Amino acid sequence: MGIVISRYRSRAAIRRRELLAKAAALEEELKEARRAREHDARAFAAKEAEWEAERREQAEEAGRLRRRLEAAEEAAAAAASGGADDHYFVVEQMREEQARREEAVEKWKQLYLAIKTELDDLIRRTRPGILFRALFMRNMCSPFLEYNSVSGVL
């Protein structure tokens, strides 16, 4: 009877050590996943700061261009004040050019925002989902894989 008890206890001790090792491995994976997620969050925050700085630069450049265009219009109006026909023609050309530029700027802004939105959504959808799905599948499927490998059934 002493042999059965000692065998049982040794099996339980072995099983306990295996479970502790498995738990330690899973905890290490979780730590690695947290570190990766924090790294990604820091990288994303840096990119957002970069995008914000770029947006500010573009707004400043648009303001500079707008002021320069207004100054050019005033100069053309002052220069063309001598001839009535030339004045209207030059002013009309400048207005058309300004309208074309504004349309182009608006199209680029819309394109930039659409791309940024898509990338943000893609990053938010893929990064946490992959991690959760991988951990879920590993935790849920591992008991079945162990059972099947022990019983010999695939």
C-alpha atoms as a PDB file:
ATOM      1  CA  MET A   1       0.000   0.000   0.000  1.00  0.00           C
ATOM      2  CA  GLY A   2       2.910   2.327   0.615  1.00  0.00           C
ATOM      3  CA  ILE A   3       4.004   1.964  -2.983  1.00  0.00           C
ATOM      4  CA  VAL A   4       0.651   3.094  -4.386  1.00  0.00           C
ATOM      5  CA  ILE A   5       0.583   6.188  -2.211  1.00  0.00           C
ATOM      6  CA  SER A   6       4.124   7.201  -3.092  1.00  0.00           C
ATOM      7  CA  ARG A   7       3.468   6.627  -6.801  1.00  0.00           C
ATOM      8  CA  TYR A   8       0.318   8.708  -6.600  1.00  0.00           C
ATOM      9  CA  ARG A   9       2.091  11.501  -4.815  1.00  0.00           C
ATOM     10  CA  SER A  10       4.967  11.477  -7.262  1.00  0.00           C
ATOM     11  CA  ARG A  11       2.537  11.694 -10.212  1.00  0.00           C
ATOM     12  CA  ALA A  12       0.763  14.566  -8.524  1.00  0.00           C
ATOM     13  CA  ALA A  13       4.072  16.315  -7.877  1.00  0.00           C
ATOM     14  CA  ILE A  14       5.112  15.850 -11.487  1.00  0.00           C
ATOM     15  CA  ARG A  15       1.761  17.138 -12.725  1.00  0.00           C
ATOM     16  CA  ARG A  16       2.015  20.103 -10.329  1.00  0.00           C
ATOM     17  CA  ARG A  17       5.517  20.976 -11.603  1.00  0.00           C
ATOM     18  CA  GLU A  18       4.305  20.750 -15.200  1.00  0.00           C
ATOM     19  CA  LEU A  19       1.380  23.041 -14.493  1.00  0.00           C
ATOM     20  CA  LEU A  20       3.601  25.549 -12.680  1.00  0.00           C
ATOM     21  CA  ALA A  21       6.036  25.561 -15.601  1.00  0.00           C
ATOM     22  CA  LYS A  22       3.164  26.033 -18.033  1.00  0.00           C
ATOM     23  CA  ALA A  23       1.753  28.916 -15.944  1.00  0.00           C
ATOM     24  CA  ALA A  24       5.193  30.560 -15.794  1.00  0.00           C
ATOM     25  CA  ALA A  25       5.548  30.283 -19.580  1.00  0.00           C
ATOM     26  CA  LEU A  26       2.113  31.826 -20.105  1.00  0.00           C
ATOM     27  CA  GLU A  27       2.926  34.658 -17.694  1.00  0.00           C
ATOM     28  CA  GLU A  28       6.141  35.334 -19.601  1.00  0.00           C
ATOM     29  CA  GLU A  29       4.193  35.438 -22.883  1.00  0.00           C
ATOM     30  CA  LEU A  30       1.756  37.899 -21.334  1.00  0.00           C
ATOM     31  CA  LYS A  31       4.643  40.090 -20.169  1.00  0.00           C
ATOM     32  CA  GLU A  32       6.113  40.034 -23.658  1.00  0.00           C
ATOM     33  CA  ALA A  33       2.734  40.891 -25.160  1.00  0.00           C
ATOM     34  CA  ARG A  34       2.326  43.807 -22.736  1.00  0.00           C
ATOM     35  CA  ARG A  35       5.811  45.081 -23.577  1.00  0.00           C
ATOM     36  CA  ALA A  36       5.041  44.857 -27.290  1.00  0.00           C
ATOM     37  CA  ARG A  37       1.710  46.631 -26.827  1.00  0.00           C
ATOM     38  CA  GLU A  38       3.366  49.418 -24.810  1.00  0.00           C
ATOM     39  CA  HIS A  39       6.063  49.761 -27.457  1.00  0.00           C
ATOM     40  CA  ASP A  40       3.412  50.008 -30.175  1.00  0.00           C
ATOM     41  CA  ALA A  41       1.497  52.588 -28.148  1.00  0.00           C
ATOM     42  CA  ARG A  42       4.635  54.714 -27.747  1.00  0.00           C
ATOM     43  CA  ALA A  43       5.395  54.430 -31.458  1.00  0.00           C
ATOM     44  CA  PHE A  44       1.820  55.367 -32.360  1.00  0.00           C
ATOM     45  CA  ALA A  45       1.935  58.380 -30.009  1.00  0.00           C
ATOM     46  CA  ALA A  46       5.171  59.514 -31.655  1.00  0.00           C
ATOM     47  CA  LYS A  47       3.577  59.160 -35.096  1.00  0.00           C
ATOM     48  CA  GLU A  48       0.531  61.145 -33.962  1.00  0.00           C
ATOM     49  CA  ALA A  49       2.805  63.918 -32.677  1.00  0.00           C
ATOM     50  CA  GLU A  50       4.627  63.893 -36.001  1.00  0.00           C
ATOM     51  CA  TRP A  51       1.320  64.099 -37.896  1.00  0.00           C
ATOM     52  CA  GLU A  52       0.176  66.993 -35.712  1.00  0.00           C
ATOM     53  CA  ALA A  53       3.411  68.888 -36.380  1.00  0.00           C
ATOM     54  CA  GLU A  54       3.034  68.226 -40.090  1.00  0.00           C
ATOM     55  CA  ARG A  55      -0.571  69.464 -39.980  1.00  0.00           C
ATOM     56  CA  ARG A  56       0.556  72.679 -38.240  1.00  0.00           C
ATOM     57  CA  GLU A  57       3.292  73.226 -40.836  1.00  0.00           C
ATOM     58  CA  GLN A  58       0.800  72.761 -43.657  1.00  0.00           C
ATOM     59  CA  ALA A  59      -1.599  75.253 -42.062  1.00  0.00           C
ATOM     60  CA  GLU A  60       1.211  77.794 -41.679  1.00  0.00           C
ATOM     61  CA  GLU A  61       2.291  77.272 -45.275  1.00  0.00           C
ATOM     62  CA  ALA A  62      -1.289  77.707 -46.477  1.00  0.00           C
ATOM     63  CA  GLY A  63      -1.499  80.986 -44.538  1.00  0.00           C
ATOM     64  CA  ARG A  64       1.784  82.205 -46.033  1.00  0.00           C
ATOM     65  CA  LEU A  65       0.635  81.324 -49.540  1.00  0.00           C
ATOM     66  CA  ARG A  66      -2.727  83.008 -48.969  1.00  0.00           C
ATOM     67  CA  ARG A  67      -1.019  86.224 -47.787  1.00  0.00           C
ATOM     68  CA  ARG A  68       1.389  86.114 -50.707  1.00  0.00           C
ATOM     69  CA  LEU A  69      -1.497  85.667 -53.143  1.00  0.00           C
ATOM     70  CA  GLU A  70      -3.388  88.596 -51.622  1.00  0.00           C
ATOM     71  CA  ALA A  71      -0.275  90.768 -51.895  1.00  0.00           C
ATOM     72  CA  ALA A  72       0.169  89.720 -55.530  1.00  0.00           C
ATOM     73  CA  GLU A  73      -3.479  90.548 -56.241  1.00  0.00           C
ATOM     74  CA  GLU A  74      -3.089  93.979 -54.687  1.00  0.00           C
ATOM     75  CA  ALA A  75       0.109  94.600 -56.646  1.00  0.00           C
ATOM     76  CA  ALA A  76      -1.549  93.494 -59.882  1.00  0.00           C
ATOM     77  CA  ALA A  77      -4.557  95.663 -59.145  1.00  0.00           C
ATOM     78  CA  ALA A  78      -2.339  98.666 -58.444  1.00  0.00           C
ATOM     79  CA  ALA A  79      -0.247  98.056 -61.577  1.00  0.00           C
ATOM     80  CA  ALA A  80      -3.280  97.518 -63.740  1.00  0.00           C
ATOM     81  CA  SER A  81      -5.128 100.568 -62.477  1.00  0.00           C
ATOM     82  CA  GLY A  82      -3.775 102.477 -65.478  1.00  0.00           C
ATOM     83  CA  GLY A  83      -5.591 100.311 -68.038  1.00  0.00           C
ATOM     84  CA  ALA A  84      -9.150  99.233 -67.294  1.00  0.00           C
ATOM     85  CA  ASP A  85      -9.175  96.260 -69.700  1.00  0.00           C
ATOM     86  CA  ASP A  86      -5.901  94.796 -68.414  1.00  0.00           C
ATOM     87  CA  HIS A  87      -6.941  95.208 -64.813  1.00  0.00           C
ATOM     88  CA  TYR A  88     -10.060  93.075 -65.059  1.00  0.00           C
ATOM     89  CA  PHE A  89      -8.290  90.437 -67.105  1.00  0.00           C
ATOM     90  CA  VAL A  90      -5.380  90.074 -64.632  1.00  0.00           C
ATOM     91  CA  VAL A  91      -7.654  90.022 -61.593  1.00  0.00           C
ATOM     92  CA  GLU A  92      -9.882  87.386 -63.183  1.00  0.00           C
ATOM     93  CA  GLN A  93      -6.872  85.206 -64.014  1.00  0.00           C
ATOM     94  CA  MET A  94      -5.583  85.478 -60.455  1.00  0.00           C
ATOM     95  CA  ARG A  95      -8.973  84.522 -59.025  1.00  0.00           C
ATOM     96  CA  GLU A  96      -9.175  81.478 -61.298  1.00  0.00           C
ATOM     97  CA  GLU A  97      -5.670  80.446 -60.311  1.00  0.00           C
ATOM     98  CA  GLN A  98      -6.517  80.856 -56.634  1.00  0.00           C
ATOM     99  CA  ALA A  99      -9.673  78.775 -57.058  1.00  0.00           C
ATOM    100  CA  ARG A 100      -7.680  75.983 -58.760  1.00  0.00           C
ATOM    101  CA  ARG A 101      -5.112  76.011 -55.967  1.00  0.00           C
ATOM    102  CA  GLU A 102      -7.762  75.900 -53.280  1.00  0.00           C
ATOM    103  CA  GLU A 103      -9.459  72.958 -54.990  1.00  0.00           C
ATOM    104  CA  ALA A 104      -6.156  71.105 -55.215  1.00  0.00           C
ATOM    105  CA  VAL A 105      -5.394  71.797 -51.541  1.00  0.00           C
ATOM    106  CA  GLU A 106      -8.839  70.558 -50.502  1.00  0.00           C
ATOM    107  CA  LYS A 107      -8.429  67.356 -52.524  1.00  0.00           C
ATOM    108  CA  TRP A 108      -5.043  66.692 -50.923  1.00  0.00           C
ATOM    109  CA  LYS A 109      -6.450  67.366 -47.461  1.00  0.00           C
ATOM    110  CA  GLN A 110      -9.309  64.935 -48.042  1.00  0.00           C
ATOM    111  CA  LEU A 111      -6.929  62.316 -49.394  1.00  0.00           C
ATOM    112  CA  TYR A 112      -4.571  62.757 -46.427  1.00  0.00           C
ATOM    113  CA  LEU A 113      -7.386  62.476 -43.899  1.00  0.00           C
ATOM    114  CA  ALA A 114      -8.866  59.431 -45.625  1.00  0.00           C
ATOM    115  CA  ILE A 115      -5.519  57.630 -45.647  1.00  0.00           C
ATOM    116  CA  LYS A 116      -4.811  58.585 -42.024  1.00  0.00           C
ATOM    117  CA  THR A 117      -8.246  57.395 -40.910  1.00  0.00           C
ATOM    118  CA  GLU A 118      -7.865  54.088 -42.719  1.00  0.00           C
ATOM    119  CA  LEU A 119      -4.414  53.501 -41.245  1.00  0.00           C
ATOM    120  CA  ASP A 120      -5.579  54.358 -37.735  1.00  0.00           C
ATOM    121  CA  ASP A 121      -8.528  51.988 -38.033  1.00  0.00           C
ATOM    122  CA  LEU A 122      -6.322  49.255 -39.441  1.00  0.00           C
ATOM    123  CA  ILE A 123      -3.814  49.635 -36.616  1.00  0.00           C
ATOM    124  CA  ARG A 124      -6.525  49.618 -33.968  1.00  0.00           C
ATOM    125  CA  ARG A 125      -8.296  46.614 -35.482  1.00  0.00           C
ATOM    126  CA  THR A 126      -5.314  44.391 -36.175  1.00  0.00           C
ATOM    127  CA  ARG A 127      -2.886  44.849 -33.302  1.00  0.00           C
ATOM    128  CA  PRO A 128      -5.046  44.022 -30.240  1.00  0.00           C
ATOM    129  CA  GLY A 129      -7.106  41.456 -32.130  1.00  0.00           C
ATOM    130  CA  ILE A 130      -4.135  39.378 -33.183  1.00  0.00           C
ATOM    131  CA  LEU A 131      -2.770  39.192 -29.675  1.00  0.00           C
ATOM    132  CA  PHE A 132      -6.098  38.300 -28.074  1.00  0.00           C
ATOM    133  CA  ARG A 133      -6.949  35.751 -30.746  1.00  0.00           C
ATOM    134  CA  ALA A 134      -3.535  34.050 -30.475  1.00  0.00           C
ATOM    135  CA  LEU A 135      -3.690  33.818 -26.683  1.00  0.00           C
ATOM    136  CA  PHE A 136      -7.301  32.617 -26.787  1.00  0.00           C
ATOM    137  CA  MET A 137      -6.565  29.914 -29.336  1.00  0.00           C
ATOM    138  CA  ARG A 138      -3.454  28.770 -27.490  1.00  0.00           C
ATOM    139  CA  ASN A 139      -5.270  28.552 -24.151  1.00  0.00           C
ATOM    140  CA  MET A 140      -8.426  26.983 -25.537  1.00  0.00           C
ATOM    141  CA  CYS A 141      -6.837  24.504 -27.948  1.00  0.00           C
ATOM    142  CA  SER A 142      -3.913  23.301 -25.829  1.00  0.00           C
ATOM    143  CA  PRO A 143      -5.990  20.984 -23.561  1.00  0.00           C
ATOM    144  CA  PHE A 144      -7.491  19.325 -26.649  1.00  0.00           C
ATOM    145  CA  LEU A 145      -4.110  18.933 -28.262  1.00  0.00           C
ATOM    146  CA  GLU A 146      -2.677  17.376 -25.078  1.00  0.00           C
ATOM    147  CA  TYR A 147      -5.669  15.059 -24.757  1.00  0.00           C
ATOM    148  CA  ASN A 148      -5.428  13.946 -28.349  1.00  0.00           C
ATOM    149  CA  SER A 149      -1.688  13.365 -28.185  1.00  0.00           C
ATOM    150  CA  VAL A 150      -2.066  11.295 -24.990  1.00  0.00           C
ATOM    151  CA  SER A 151      -4.901   9.166 -26.317  1.00  0.00           C
ATOM    152  CA  GLY A 152      -3.235   8.727 -29.662  1.00  0.00           C
ATOM    153  CA  VAL A 153      -6.189  10.218 -31.562  1.00  0.00           C
ATOM    154  CA  LEU A 154      -5.441  13.147 -33.841  1.00  0.00           C
END
